[in-house]
């Protein structure tokens, strides 16, 4: 998660308006859901990956690390979608043509959607979402809570890693039973520290006159219509190419 945040803050598109990245990603996502997946989904994966690596300057290794765990989960679960249960002559599991088509289309759509998520997560910091969420009418309290929780994740992750290393140095994970006990102690300690930290934050915000929103200075990022138009043109061409290939192969 720390690597994702680092690339989101340091990529070439960092100073772009958030809408210039979110709208093309949302357009690609809509095409992944609405157009035939056999031809459109691979194009979306290629376009999103190329935009990240050669456009935004995100290292290919970082992209692979981001997509590898969910992609492995999707690929391992795909065969189970192709199985069907036949109860006519007793419980029997078998592969069905309809199940294979469903597994293939579902997996391709999910991989395309994952590439759209990577396009947003690796180029747009969470802090940049606040202005868009406010314009969308999301209550300020919810936005502030999301930002606060996101910032606290890194603090607690550092504490958890430090505690786990200290326990490992004392052979706290040398056996399964001892490791389970050490994990329980670590989780309990983090929970207690979380409550203490939350209480301290509440007292601090109240002392500073908190009324549901923390005003902060944000750099002005004007919307570049030419960049947005170029990106949406690329999205449209991707959809046209996927639809043409689908008709050509059908």
Protein backbone atom coordinates (compact mmCIF):
# COMPACT_ATOMS: atom_id res chain seq x y z
CA UNK A 1 0.00 0.00 0.00
CA UNK A 2 2.88 2.34 0.73
CA UNK A 3 4.31 1.69 -2.74
CA UNK A 4 0.92 2.50 -4.32
CA UNK A 5 0.78 5.80 -2.47
CA UNK A 6 4.36 6.63 -3.44
CA UNK A 7 3.73 6.08 -7.15
CA UNK A 8 0.45 8.02 -6.95
CA UNK A 9 2.37 11.04 -5.64
CA UNK A 10 5.40 10.80 -7.96
CA UNK A 11 4.09 9.78 -11.38
CA UNK A 12 4.18 12.10 -14.41
CA UNK A 13 0.44 12.76 -14.20
CA UNK A 14 0.57 13.85 -10.58
CA UNK A 15 -0.19 17.51 -11.39
CA UNK A 16 -3.08 16.71 -13.71
CA UNK A 17 -6.64 17.42 -12.70
CA UNK A 18 -8.18 14.27 -11.14
CA UNK A 19 -11.00 14.26 -13.70
CA UNK A 20 -8.44 13.85 -16.50
CA UNK A 21 -7.57 10.45 -15.04
CA UNK A 22 -10.84 9.32 -13.49
CA UNK A 23 -13.10 9.94 -16.51
CA UNK A 24 -10.99 7.89 -18.98
CA UNK A 25 -10.66 5.09 -16.44
CA UNK A 26 -14.43 5.15 -15.86
CA UNK A 27 -15.00 5.09 -19.62
CA UNK A 28 -12.77 2.03 -19.99
CA UNK A 29 -14.61 0.39 -17.11
CA UNK A 30 -17.98 0.97 -18.79
CA UNK A 31 -16.68 -0.61 -21.99
CA UNK A 32 -15.38 -3.59 -20.02
CA UNK A 33 -18.88 -4.11 -18.61
CA UNK A 34 -20.96 -3.42 -21.71
CA UNK A 35 -18.94 -4.60 -24.72
CA UNK A 36 -18.06 -8.21 -25.66
CA UNK A 37 -15.25 -9.23 -23.31
CA UNK A 38 -13.38 -11.63 -25.61
CA UNK A 39 -12.10 -8.81 -27.80
CA UNK A 40 -12.58 -5.65 -25.73
CA UNK A 41 -11.15 -6.74 -22.38
CA UNK A 42 -7.63 -7.59 -23.67
CA UNK A 43 -7.51 -4.21 -25.46
CA UNK A 44 -8.49 -2.42 -22.25
CA UNK A 45 -5.76 -4.22 -20.32
CA UNK A 46 -3.17 -3.26 -22.95
CA UNK A 47 -4.33 0.36 -23.18
CA UNK A 48 -4.47 0.88 -19.41
CA UNK A 49 -1.10 -0.80 -18.86
CA UNK A 50 0.54 1.20 -21.66
CA UNK A 51 -0.89 4.45 -20.31
CA UNK A 52 0.50 3.69 -16.86
CA UNK A 53 3.97 2.56 -17.93
CA UNK A 54 4.73 4.84 -20.89
CA UNK A 55 2.34 7.67 -20.12
CA UNK A 56 2.42 8.14 -16.36
CA UNK A 57 5.90 6.66 -15.94
CA UNK A 58 4.86 4.03 -13.37
CA UNK A 59 7.40 1.17 -13.35
CA UNK A 60 6.16 -2.02 -14.95
CA UNK A 61 7.26 -3.94 -11.87
CA UNK A 62 5.01 -1.80 -9.66
CA UNK A 63 2.08 -2.45 -11.98
CA UNK A 64 2.71 -6.20 -11.89
CA UNK A 65 2.97 -6.18 -8.09
CA UNK A 66 -0.35 -4.31 -7.91
CA UNK A 67 -2.30 -6.65 -10.21
CA UNK A 68 -0.62 -9.97 -9.37
CA UNK A 69 -2.55 -10.95 -6.17
CA UNK A 70 -6.09 -10.18 -7.46
CA UNK A 71 -5.26 -11.59 -10.90
CA UNK A 72 -4.02 -14.83 -9.31
CA UNK A 73 -7.23 -15.03 -7.28
CA UNK A 74 -9.31 -14.56 -10.44
CA UNK A 75 -7.38 -17.16 -12.42
CA UNK A 76 -7.56 -19.73 -9.62
CA UNK A 77 -11.31 -19.21 -9.23
CA UNK A 78 -12.12 -19.29 -12.96
CA UNK A 79 -12.20 -23.13 -13.28
CA UNK A 80 -14.84 -23.35 -10.57
CA UNK A 81 -17.15 -21.10 -12.60
CA UNK A 82 -16.93 -23.59 -15.46
CA UNK A 83 -18.11 -26.50 -13.30
CA UNK A 84 -21.75 -27.52 -13.22
CA UNK A 85 -23.50 -29.84 -10.77
CA UNK A 86 -25.68 -32.55 -12.32
CA UNK A 87 -28.19 -34.15 -9.94
CA UNK A 88 -30.12 -36.25 -12.47
CA UNK A 89 -28.04 -39.39 -11.90
CA UNK A 90 -26.53 -38.51 -8.55
CA UNK A 91 -24.27 -35.58 -7.71
CA UNK A 92 -21.81 -35.18 -10.59
CA UNK A 93 -19.43 -32.35 -11.32
CA UNK A 94 -18.52 -31.69 -14.93
CA UNK A 95 -17.39 -28.93 -17.23
CA UNK A 96 -20.15 -27.44 -19.36
CA UNK A 97 -19.72 -25.32 -22.52
CA UNK A 98 -21.90 -22.61 -21.00
CA UNK A 99 -19.86 -22.66 -17.82
CA UNK A 100 -16.57 -22.36 -19.72
CA UNK A 101 -17.89 -19.35 -21.65
CA UNK A 102 -19.14 -17.78 -18.41
CA UNK A 103 -15.80 -18.34 -16.66
CA UNK A 104 -13.84 -16.88 -19.58
CA UNK A 105 -16.02 -13.79 -19.99
CA UNK A 106 -16.21 -13.12 -16.24
CA UNK A 107 -12.46 -13.46 -15.80
CA UNK A 108 -11.69 -11.19 -18.75
CA UNK A 109 -14.13 -8.52 -17.55
CA UNK A 110 -12.65 -8.67 -14.05
CA UNK A 111 -9.09 -8.34 -15.37
CA UNK A 112 -10.11 -5.35 -17.48
CA UNK A 113 -11.80 -3.73 -14.47
CA UNK A 114 -8.66 -4.41 -12.43
CA UNK A 115 -6.54 -2.59 -15.00
CA UNK A 116 -8.90 0.41 -14.77
CA UNK A 117 -8.52 0.37 -10.99
CA UNK A 118 -4.73 0.31 -11.35
CA UNK A 119 -4.94 3.27 -13.72
CA UNK A 120 -6.66 5.31 -11.03
CA UNK A 121 -4.88 4.03 -7.91
CA UNK A 122 -1.34 4.43 -9.26
CA UNK A 123 -1.85 7.92 -10.67
CA UNK A 124 -4.30 9.70 -8.33
CA UNK A 125 -3.58 10.20 -4.59
CA UNK A 126 -6.48 9.69 -2.23
CA UNK A 127 -6.26 13.34 -1.15
CA UNK A 128 -7.15 14.45 -4.68
CA UNK A 129 -10.44 12.59 -4.48
CA UNK A 130 -11.75 14.95 -1.80
CA UNK A 131 -12.65 17.79 -4.16
CA UNK A 132 -14.44 15.45 -6.55
CA UNK A 133 -16.36 13.80 -3.74
CA UNK A 134 -17.45 17.19 -2.43
CA UNK A 135 -18.69 18.20 -5.88
CA UNK A 136 -20.56 14.90 -6.07
CA UNK A 137 -22.46 15.85 -2.90
CA UNK A 138 -20.81 13.45 -0.45
CA UNK A 139 -21.14 14.82 3.12
CA UNK A 140 -18.00 16.50 4.42
CA UNK A 141 -17.93 14.30 7.54
CA UNK A 142 -17.70 11.13 5.46
CA UNK A 143 -14.91 12.57 3.32
CA UNK A 144 -12.90 13.66 6.36
CA UNK A 145 -13.39 10.24 7.95
CA UNK A 146 -12.13 8.50 4.81
CA UNK A 147 -9.05 10.71 4.62
CA UNK A 148 -8.33 10.28 8.32
CA UNK A 149 -8.62 6.50 8.15
CA UNK A 150 -6.36 6.42 5.11
CA UNK A 151 -3.68 8.40 6.92
CA UNK A 152 -3.93 6.23 10.02
CA UNK A 153 -3.43 3.05 8.00
CA UNK A 154 0.23 3.87 7.45
CA UNK A 155 0.78 4.70 11.12
CA UNK A 156 -0.70 1.42 12.33
CA UNK A 157 1.04 -0.57 9.60
CA UNK A 158 4.38 0.78 10.82
CA UNK A 159 3.53 -0.09 14.41
CA UNK A 160 2.39 -3.58 13.42
CA UNK A 161 5.62 -4.20 11.49
CA UNK A 162 7.76 -2.94 14.36
CA UNK A 163 5.89 -5.11 16.88
CA UNK A 164 6.10 -8.19 14.65
CA UNK A 165 9.85 -7.74 14.22
CA UNK A 166 10.32 -7.35 17.98
CA UNK A 167 8.33 -10.54 18.62
CA UNK A 168 10.24 -12.44 15.95
CA UNK A 169 13.56 -11.34 17.49
CA UNK A 170 12.38 -12.94 20.76
CA UNK A 171 11.42 -16.20 18.98
CA UNK A 172 7.75 -15.33 19.26
CA UNK A 173 7.00 -17.17 16.01
CA UNK A 174 9.27 -20.18 16.45
CA UNK A 175 6.32 -22.56 16.85
CA UNK A 176 2.74 -22.46 15.61
CA UNK A 177 1.21 -22.16 19.08
CA UNK A 178 3.66 -19.49 20.15
CA UNK A 179 3.15 -17.61 16.87
CA UNK A 180 -0.61 -17.70 17.35
CA UNK A 181 -0.25 -16.31 20.85
CA UNK A 182 2.15 -13.61 19.66
CA UNK A 183 -0.26 -12.62 16.90
CA UNK A 184 -3.09 -12.33 19.43
CA UNK A 185 -0.99 -10.15 21.72
CA UNK A 186 0.03 -7.95 18.79
CA UNK A 187 -3.58 -7.55 17.60
CA UNK A 188 -4.76 -6.71 21.11
CA UNK A 189 -1.98 -4.16 21.57
CA UNK A 190 -2.80 -2.51 18.25
CA UNK A 191 -6.50 -2.38 19.12
CA UNK A 192 -5.75 -0.70 22.44
CA UNK A 193 -3.38 1.76 20.79
CA UNK A 194 -6.02 2.48 18.17
CA UNK A 195 -8.58 3.41 20.79
CA UNK A 196 -6.05 5.61 22.58
CA UNK A 197 -5.05 7.31 19.32
CA UNK A 198 -8.69 7.89 18.35
CA UNK A 199 -9.45 9.44 21.74
CA UNK A 200 -6.41 11.71 21.51
CA UNK A 201 -7.43 12.82 18.03
CA UNK A 202 -10.96 13.55 19.22
CA UNK A 203 -9.70 15.69 22.10
CA UNK A 204 -7.24 17.51 19.84
CA UNK A 205 -9.84 18.27 17.17
CA UNK A 206 -12.36 19.45 19.74
CA UNK A 207 -9.77 21.77 21.29
CA UNK A 208 -9.16 23.29 17.84
CA UNK A 209 -12.84 23.97 17.23
CA UNK A 210 -13.53 21.11 14.82
CA UNK A 211 -17.00 21.42 13.23
CA UNK A 212 -17.05 18.54 10.76
CA UNK A 213 -14.45 19.67 8.21
CA UNK A 214 -10.73 20.38 8.22
CA UNK A 215 -9.97 23.21 5.74
CA UNK A 216 -6.58 22.77 4.10
CA UNK A 217 -4.78 24.52 1.27
CA UNK A 218 -4.80 22.61 -2.02
CA UNK A 219 -2.88 23.42 -5.16
CA UNK A 220 -5.10 24.63 -7.98
CA UNK A 221 -5.11 22.16 -10.88
CA UNK A 222 -7.08 23.56 -13.81
CA UNK A 223 -8.79 21.07 -16.06
CA UNK A 224 -6.97 20.72 -19.39
CA UNK A 225 -9.71 20.12 -21.95
CA UNK A 226 -7.28 19.09 -24.68
CA UNK A 227 -5.74 16.33 -22.55
CA UNK A 228 -9.18 15.16 -21.47
CA UNK A 229 -10.43 15.15 -25.06
CA UNK A 230 -7.37 13.19 -26.20
CA UNK A 231 -7.84 10.63 -23.43
CA UNK A 232 -11.55 10.21 -24.17
CA UNK A 233 -10.72 9.86 -27.88
CA UNK A 234 -8.38 7.02 -26.99
CA UNK A 235 -11.14 5.42 -24.93
CA UNK A 236 -13.55 5.71 -27.84
CA UNK A 237 -11.06 4.22 -30.30
CA UNK A 238 -10.46 1.33 -27.92
CA UNK A 239 -14.19 0.63 -27.82
CA UNK A 240 -14.51 0.85 -31.60
CA UNK A 241 -11.56 -1.49 -32.10
CA UNK A 242 -13.01 -4.00 -29.63
CA UNK A 243 -16.42 -3.90 -31.28
CA UNK A 244 -14.91 -4.26 -34.78
CA UNK A 245 -12.83 -7.24 -33.72
CA UNK A 246 -15.88 -8.82 -32.11
CA UNK A 247 -17.90 -8.53 -35.32
CA UNK A 248 -14.98 -9.75 -37.41
CA UNK A 249 -14.49 -12.87 -35.30
CA UNK A 250 -18.18 -13.70 -34.93
